[in-house]
Amino acid sequence: MEAIVILSDSQLAQGLDSEYLGYYEYDDSFVSSQGYKANLFQSTTPSNGDASGTVSEKCAVFVANGIHYTLKGHISTETMKQIINSLYTS
């Protein structure tokens, strides 16, 4: 099931069919060492009201072996990639 929310005529006119309310922005995409394509996003909202010295929340979305994963954490993009690469290793 997919829910699509159109909040304004201008959003519809621009072809935007999903609204993330400005919480996340695109950060990176990469293919893991196991061959899974992951999309990485980062938070646009500061933590605790102050962004200085705080690592922004990252969110990774990918599908592996038929399972949809969403990983979140206040970590660097490189650390998120390392975590994804560590999945399904023997």
C-alpha atoms as a PDB file:
ATOM      1  CA  MET A   1       0.000   0.000   0.000  1.00  0.00           C
ATOM      2  CA  GLU A   2       1.195   3.496  -0.764  1.00  0.00           C
ATOM      3  CA  ALA A   3      -0.319   6.687   0.575  1.00  0.00           C
ATOM      4  CA  ILE A   4       0.229   9.829  -1.451  1.00  0.00           C
ATOM      5  CA  VAL A   5      -0.441  13.177   0.117  1.00  0.00           C
ATOM      6  CA  ILE A   6      -0.894  16.264  -2.022  1.00  0.00           C
ATOM      7  CA  LEU A   7      -0.828  19.344   0.186  1.00  0.00           C
ATOM      8  CA  SER A   8      -1.198  22.055  -2.433  1.00  0.00           C
ATOM      9  CA  ASP A   9      -2.014  22.732  -6.073  1.00  0.00           C
ATOM     10  CA  SER A  10       1.549  24.006  -6.609  1.00  0.00           C
ATOM     11  CA  GLN A  11       2.943  20.693  -5.345  1.00  0.00           C
ATOM     12  CA  LEU A  12       0.683  18.801  -7.753  1.00  0.00           C
ATOM     13  CA  ALA A  13       1.619  21.114 -10.649  1.00  0.00           C
ATOM     14  CA  GLN A  14       5.343  20.430 -10.028  1.00  0.00           C
ATOM     15  CA  GLY A  15       4.807  16.674 -10.159  1.00  0.00           C
ATOM     16  CA  LEU A  16       5.623  16.139  -6.494  1.00  0.00           C
ATOM     17  CA  ASP A  17       3.556  13.250  -5.195  1.00  0.00           C
ATOM     18  CA  SER A  18       5.159  12.780  -1.790  1.00  0.00           C
ATOM     19  CA  GLU A  19       5.652  15.284   0.979  1.00  0.00           C
ATOM     20  CA  TYR A  20       8.476  14.855   3.446  1.00  0.00           C
ATOM     21  CA  LEU A  21       7.749  18.172   5.170  1.00  0.00           C
ATOM     22  CA  GLY A  22      11.381  19.176   4.876  1.00  0.00           C
ATOM     23  CA  TYR A  23      12.646  16.666   7.444  1.00  0.00           C
ATOM     24  CA  TYR A  24      15.149  14.945   5.147  1.00  0.00           C
ATOM     25  CA  GLU A  25      17.232  15.836   2.124  1.00  0.00           C
ATOM     26  CA  TYR A  26      19.151  13.626  -0.303  1.00  0.00           C
ATOM     27  CA  ASP A  27      22.695  12.864   0.872  1.00  0.00           C
ATOM     28  CA  ASP A  28      24.103  10.052  -1.288  1.00  0.00           C
ATOM     29  CA  SER A  29      23.440   6.783  -3.117  1.00  0.00           C
ATOM     30  CA  PHE A  30      25.799   3.848  -3.310  1.00  0.00           C
ATOM     31  CA  VAL A  31      25.939   0.145  -4.077  1.00  0.00           C
ATOM     32  CA  SER A  32      26.971  -1.951  -1.088  1.00  0.00           C
ATOM     33  CA  SER A  33      29.681  -4.589  -1.240  1.00  0.00           C
ATOM     34  CA  GLN A  34      26.851  -7.164  -1.517  1.00  0.00           C
ATOM     35  CA  GLY A  35      25.322  -5.334  -4.511  1.00  0.00           C
ATOM     36  CA  TYR A  36      22.390  -3.592  -2.773  1.00  0.00           C
ATOM     37  CA  LYS A  37      21.628  -0.046  -3.913  1.00  0.00           C
ATOM     38  CA  ALA A  38      21.098   2.197  -0.892  1.00  0.00           C
ATOM     39  CA  ASN A  39      19.773   5.731  -0.814  1.00  0.00           C
ATOM     40  CA  LEU A  40      21.001   7.945   2.006  1.00  0.00           C
ATOM     41  CA  PHE A  41      19.203  10.973   3.403  1.00  0.00           C
ATOM     42  CA  GLN A  42      20.083  13.402   6.170  1.00  0.00           C
ATOM     43  CA  SER A  43      17.924  15.385   8.517  1.00  0.00           C
ATOM     44  CA  THR A  44      17.316  19.043   7.800  1.00  0.00           C
ATOM     45  CA  THR A  45      16.244  19.747  11.373  1.00  0.00           C
ATOM     46  CA  PRO A  46      18.824  20.466  14.059  1.00  0.00           C
ATOM     47  CA  SER A  47      19.019  18.183  17.097  1.00  0.00           C
ATOM     48  CA  ASN A  48      18.059  19.721  20.435  1.00  0.00           C
ATOM     49  CA  GLY A  49      17.476  23.045  18.706  1.00  0.00           C
ATOM     50  CA  ASP A  50      21.184  23.562  18.040  1.00  0.00           C
ATOM     51  CA  ALA A  51      23.093  22.060  15.117  1.00  0.00           C
ATOM     52  CA  SER A  52      26.559  23.089  16.289  1.00  0.00           C
ATOM     53  CA  GLY A  53      28.729  20.099  17.109  1.00  0.00           C
ATOM     54  CA  THR A  54      25.909  17.628  16.475  1.00  0.00           C
ATOM     55  CA  VAL A  55      25.970  14.928  13.801  1.00  0.00           C
ATOM     56  CA  SER A  56      22.745  15.134  11.808  1.00  0.00           C
ATOM     57  CA  GLU A  57      20.461  12.130  11.703  1.00  0.00           C
ATOM     58  CA  LYS A  58      21.066   9.920   8.676  1.00  0.00           C
ATOM     59  CA  CYS A  59      18.529   7.593   7.118  1.00  0.00           C
ATOM     60  CA  ALA A  60      19.378   4.759   4.718  1.00  0.00           C
ATOM     61  CA  VAL A  61      16.736   2.979   2.643  1.00  0.00           C
ATOM     62  CA  PHE A  62      17.431  -0.208   0.672  1.00  0.00           C
ATOM     63  CA  VAL A  63      16.104  -3.666  -0.161  1.00  0.00           C
ATOM     64  CA  ALA A  64      18.171  -6.779   0.519  1.00  0.00           C
ATOM     65  CA  ASN A  65      16.988 -10.340  -0.053  1.00  0.00           C
ATOM     66  CA  GLY A  66      13.406  -9.138  -0.431  1.00  0.00           C
ATOM     67  CA  ILE A  67      13.400  -7.202   2.847  1.00  0.00           C
ATOM     68  CA  HIS A  68      12.935  -3.418   2.890  1.00  0.00           C
ATOM     69  CA  TYR A  69      15.313  -1.780   5.390  1.00  0.00           C
ATOM     70  CA  THR A  70      15.250   1.702   6.866  1.00  0.00           C
ATOM     71  CA  LEU A  71      18.209   2.470   9.119  1.00  0.00           C
ATOM     72  CA  LYS A  72      18.431   5.691  11.134  1.00  0.00           C
ATOM     73  CA  GLY A  73      21.016   7.142  13.437  1.00  0.00           C
ATOM     74  CA  HIS A  74      23.046  10.200  14.370  1.00  0.00           C
ATOM     75  CA  ILE A  75      26.152   8.950  12.587  1.00  0.00           C
ATOM     76  CA  SER A  76      28.302   9.997   9.650  1.00  0.00           C
ATOM     77  CA  THR A  77      27.493   8.979   6.089  1.00  0.00           C
ATOM     78  CA  GLU A  78      30.645   6.845   5.981  1.00  0.00           C
ATOM     79  CA  THR A  79      29.646   4.992   9.159  1.00  0.00           C
ATOM     80  CA  MET A  80      26.198   4.318   7.707  1.00  0.00           C
ATOM     81  CA  LYS A  81      27.831   2.866   4.587  1.00  0.00           C
ATOM     82  CA  GLN A  82      30.066   0.651   6.755  1.00  0.00           C
ATOM     83  CA  ILE A  83      27.016  -0.660   8.615  1.00  0.00           C
ATOM     84  CA  ILE A  84      25.215  -1.486   5.360  1.00  0.00           C
ATOM     85  CA  ASN A  85      28.343  -3.171   3.980  1.00  0.00           C
ATOM     86  CA  SER A  86      28.600  -5.301   7.140  1.00  0.00           C
ATOM     87  CA  LEU A  87      25.135  -6.822   6.643  1.00  0.00           C
ATOM     88  CA  TYR A  88      24.919 -10.319   5.208  1.00  0.00           C
ATOM     89  CA  THR A  89      28.651 -10.988   5.420  1.00  0.00           C
ATOM     90  CA  SER A  90      29.788 -14.457   6.413  1.00  0.00           C
END
